[in-house]
Protein backbone atom coordinates (compact mmCIF):
# COMPACT_ATOMS: atom_id res chain seq x y z
CA UNK A 1 -7.89 -25.49 2.69
CA UNK A 2 -7.12 -28.73 0.86
CA UNK A 3 -3.83 -30.29 1.86
CA UNK A 4 -1.94 -32.86 -0.16
CA UNK A 5 0.24 -35.78 0.88
CA UNK A 6 3.24 -33.45 1.14
CA UNK A 7 1.57 -31.76 4.11
CA UNK A 8 2.08 -34.87 6.26
CA UNK A 9 5.84 -35.00 5.71
CA UNK A 10 6.99 -32.19 7.98
CA UNK A 11 10.35 -32.24 9.72
CA UNK A 12 8.94 -33.50 13.03
CA UNK A 13 7.05 -36.28 11.26
CA UNK A 14 10.15 -37.38 9.38
CA UNK A 15 12.08 -37.50 12.64
CA UNK A 16 9.54 -39.97 14.02
CA UNK A 17 9.96 -42.51 11.20
CA UNK A 18 13.28 -43.99 12.47
CA UNK A 19 11.77 -44.24 15.97
CA UNK A 20 8.73 -46.08 14.63
CA UNK A 21 10.83 -48.41 12.49
CA UNK A 22 13.05 -49.26 15.46
CA UNK A 23 10.06 -50.12 17.65
CA UNK A 24 8.65 -52.36 14.91
CA UNK A 25 11.94 -54.18 14.43
CA UNK A 26 12.46 -54.81 18.15
CA UNK A 27 8.90 -56.11 18.52
CA UNK A 28 9.15 -58.37 15.48
CA UNK A 29 12.48 -59.89 16.45
CA UNK A 30 11.26 -60.52 19.99
CA UNK A 31 8.15 -62.33 18.75
CA UNK A 32 10.12 -64.31 16.17
CA UNK A 33 12.76 -65.48 18.62
CA UNK A 34 10.18 -66.48 21.25
CA UNK A 35 7.79 -68.00 18.64
CA UNK A 36 4.88 -66.09 20.14
CA UNK A 37 1.40 -66.63 18.63
CA UNK A 38 0.88 -62.85 18.58
CA UNK A 39 2.96 -60.00 17.21
CA UNK A 40 3.87 -56.66 18.77
CA UNK A 41 5.64 -55.52 15.60
CA UNK A 42 3.34 -52.61 14.71
CA UNK A 43 3.73 -50.40 17.77
CA UNK A 44 5.90 -47.98 15.83
CA UNK A 45 3.50 -47.95 12.86
CA UNK A 46 0.55 -47.09 15.08
CA UNK A 47 2.49 -44.50 17.03
CA UNK A 48 3.64 -42.65 13.94
CA UNK A 49 0.28 -42.96 12.17
CA UNK A 50 -1.58 -41.55 15.17
CA UNK A 51 0.42 -38.32 15.39
CA UNK A 52 1.92 -37.91 11.91
CA UNK A 53 -0.87 -39.13 9.66
CA UNK A 54 -1.67 -41.93 7.22
CA UNK A 55 1.11 -41.53 4.68
CA UNK A 56 3.92 -41.24 7.20
CA UNK A 57 2.42 -44.25 8.99
CA UNK A 58 2.38 -46.18 5.71
CA UNK A 59 6.05 -45.42 5.07
CA UNK A 60 6.96 -46.41 8.62
CA UNK A 61 5.20 -49.74 8.25
CA UNK A 62 6.89 -50.45 4.93
CA UNK A 63 10.38 -49.58 6.16
CA UNK A 64 9.92 -51.64 9.31
CA UNK A 65 9.03 -54.71 7.24
CA UNK A 66 11.96 -54.04 4.91
CA UNK A 67 14.44 -53.90 7.78
CA UNK A 68 12.96 -57.04 9.33
CA UNK A 69 13.23 -58.70 5.94
CA UNK A 70 17.00 -58.27 5.99
CA UNK A 71 17.08 -60.70 8.93
CA UNK A 72 14.05 -62.77 8.01
CA UNK A 73 12.89 -62.58 4.34
CA UNK A 74 9.43 -63.81 5.37
CA UNK A 75 8.72 -60.33 6.76
CA UNK A 76 9.00 -58.52 3.41
CA UNK A 77 5.71 -59.69 1.84
CA UNK A 78 3.93 -58.74 5.05
CA UNK A 79 4.78 -55.11 4.34
CA UNK A 80 1.29 -55.12 2.78
CA UNK A 81 -0.14 -55.60 6.28
CA UNK A 82 2.09 -52.96 7.86
CA UNK A 83 1.33 -50.41 5.15
CA UNK A 84 -2.42 -51.04 5.44
CA UNK A 85 -2.30 -50.55 9.20
CA UNK A 86 -0.31 -47.34 8.90
CA UNK A 87 -2.63 -45.92 6.24
CA UNK A 88 -5.94 -46.74 7.92
CA UNK A 89 -4.79 -45.96 11.48
CA UNK A 90 -3.57 -42.61 10.20
CA UNK A 91 -6.91 -41.80 8.59
CA UNK A 92 -8.79 -42.87 11.71
CA UNK A 93 -6.57 -40.52 13.70
CA UNK A 94 -7.05 -37.75 11.15
CA UNK A 95 -10.82 -38.00 11.57
CA UNK A 96 -10.45 -38.14 15.37
CA UNK A 97 -11.75 -41.68 15.93
CA UNK A 98 -9.33 -42.14 18.82
CA UNK A 99 -10.79 -39.36 20.97
CA UNK A 100 -13.48 -41.56 22.56
CA UNK A 101 -14.05 -45.21 23.39
CA UNK A 102 -16.68 -45.79 20.69
CA UNK A 103 -14.39 -44.47 17.98
CA UNK A 104 -11.50 -46.56 19.31
CA UNK A 105 -13.60 -49.76 19.29
CA UNK A 106 -14.86 -49.13 15.74
CA UNK A 107 -11.40 -48.25 14.45
CA UNK A 108 -9.74 -51.27 16.09
CA UNK A 109 -12.43 -53.61 14.73
CA UNK A 110 -11.90 -52.32 11.18
CA UNK A 111 -8.12 -52.44 11.56
CA UNK A 112 -8.36 -56.05 12.75
CA UNK A 113 -10.33 -57.10 9.66
CA UNK A 114 -7.99 -55.19 7.34
CA UNK A 115 -4.83 -56.65 8.88
CA UNK A 116 -6.32 -60.17 9.08
CA UNK A 117 -7.45 -60.09 5.46
CA UNK A 118 -4.18 -58.76 4.08
CA UNK A 119 -2.13 -61.15 6.25
CA UNK A 120 -4.24 -64.11 5.12
CA UNK A 121 -3.72 -63.20 1.45
CA UNK A 122 0.06 -63.09 1.92
CA UNK A 123 0.15 -66.26 4.02
CA UNK A 124 -1.92 -68.34 1.59
CA UNK A 125 -0.63 -67.12 -1.76
CA UNK A 126 3.01 -66.55 -0.83
CA UNK A 127 3.63 -69.30 1.73
CA UNK A 128 0.88 -71.86 1.21
CA UNK A 129 -0.55 -71.16 4.66
CA UNK A 130 2.59 -71.95 6.68
CA UNK A 131 5.20 -69.36 7.71
CA UNK A 132 6.94 -70.99 10.67
CA UNK A 133 5.46 -68.49 13.13
CA UNK A 134 3.68 -69.37 16.35
CA UNK A 135 0.33 -68.70 14.66
CA UNK A 136 0.79 -71.85 12.55
CA UNK A 137 -0.29 -73.86 15.60
CA UNK A 138 -3.67 -72.13 15.55
CA UNK A 139 -4.02 -72.66 11.81
CA UNK A 140 -3.17 -76.36 12.22
CA UNK A 141 -5.94 -76.67 14.80
CA UNK A 142 -8.52 -75.30 12.37
CA UNK A 143 -7.25 -77.56 9.57
CA UNK A 144 -7.45 -80.58 11.86
CA UNK A 145 -11.09 -79.65 12.56
CA UNK A 146 -11.82 -79.98 8.83
CA UNK A 147 -11.77 -76.36 7.71
CA UNK A 148 -10.38 -75.29 4.34
CA UNK A 149 -6.96 -73.63 4.15
CA UNK A 150 -8.19 -70.09 3.39
CA UNK A 151 -10.86 -70.26 6.08
CA UNK A 152 -8.34 -71.63 8.59
CA UNK A 153 -5.73 -68.94 7.88
CA UNK A 154 -8.27 -66.09 7.91
CA UNK A 155 -9.84 -67.35 11.16
CA UNK A 156 -6.39 -67.58 12.72
CA UNK A 157 -5.60 -64.02 11.69
CA UNK A 158 -8.92 -62.72 13.00
CA UNK A 159 -8.30 -64.33 16.40
CA UNK A 160 -4.63 -63.44 16.76
CA UNK A 161 -5.15 -60.20 14.84
CA UNK A 162 -7.66 -58.97 17.43
CA UNK A 163 -5.08 -59.47 20.15
CA UNK A 164 -2.36 -57.94 17.96
CA UNK A 165 -4.45 -54.86 17.26
CA UNK A 166 -5.35 -54.34 20.91
CA UNK A 167 -1.76 -54.79 22.11
CA UNK A 168 -0.10 -52.69 19.43
CA UNK A 169 -2.67 -49.90 19.58
CA UNK A 170 -2.86 -49.81 23.38
CA UNK A 171 0.92 -49.60 23.80
CA UNK A 172 1.32 -46.98 21.09
CA UNK A 173 -1.59 -44.92 22.47
CA UNK A 174 -0.08 -44.93 25.95
CA UNK A 175 3.26 -43.84 24.50
CA UNK A 176 1.60 -41.03 22.54
CA UNK A 177 -0.13 -39.80 25.69
CA UNK A 178 3.30 -39.60 27.36
CA UNK A 179 4.80 -37.44 24.62
CA UNK A 180 5.26 -33.85 25.88
CA UNK A 181 2.50 -31.49 24.67
CA UNK A 182 5.10 -29.04 23.33
CA UNK A 183 6.16 -31.70 20.82
CA UNK A 184 2.69 -33.07 20.08
CA UNK A 185 1.41 -29.62 19.16
CA UNK A 186 4.03 -29.41 16.40
CA UNK A 187 2.73 -32.55 14.72
CA UNK A 188 -0.14 -32.33 12.25
CA UNK A 189 -2.33 -34.80 14.14
CA UNK A 190 -0.89 -34.54 17.63
CA UNK A 191 -3.22 -31.93 19.16
CA UNK A 192 -6.16 -34.31 19.91
CA UNK A 193 -3.89 -36.34 22.19
CA UNK A 194 -3.09 -33.39 24.43
CA UNK A 195 -5.24 -33.32 27.56
CA UNK A 196 -7.93 -30.65 27.44
CA UNK A 197 -6.68 -28.99 30.61
CA UNK A 198 -3.19 -28.64 29.16
CA UNK A 199 -4.54 -27.15 25.93
CA UNK A 200 -6.57 -24.58 27.86
CA UNK A 201 -3.53 -23.56 29.95
CA UNK A 202 -1.28 -23.23 26.90
């Protein structure tokens, strides 16, 4: 049976959005204050996308960036990155990529390229390559080595983006695995994250 976007927005999924947004905001503010060269601001987006699907993940990413933008306007344009992560992570979860190590590696590699590309577009065209974040130090290193601005920004985002993807996905995955099965089973995409033994006993 074909299911539309409305299918993803069940009551349980909607309840997860504020949780995801809060996790994103805490992670972003922590990285901004400490000027870290990596960001852990997408934990909530990944978490929600994994168990509630692509469209709920997209909304979570957008709202997280919007809330962060109230404190730091620089965050608002990067909603493009957050929304892309939520959408693609949700689809990877929907097609069960995160059930085995090969699927996880492939999905994380694609998500890294998507987030790096979208972040580079925003950084170059909106901010001229400089945002005041810790990643600017990496970009400056590439520029000093003679690389062009676009190449420098994209390379920076690939390097830091790989670490970002691994950190954000790993933390969110571990959190999902700690969610009680009785709640996971109520979510559209939560069943694959329930241990096989638990499913058989249920």
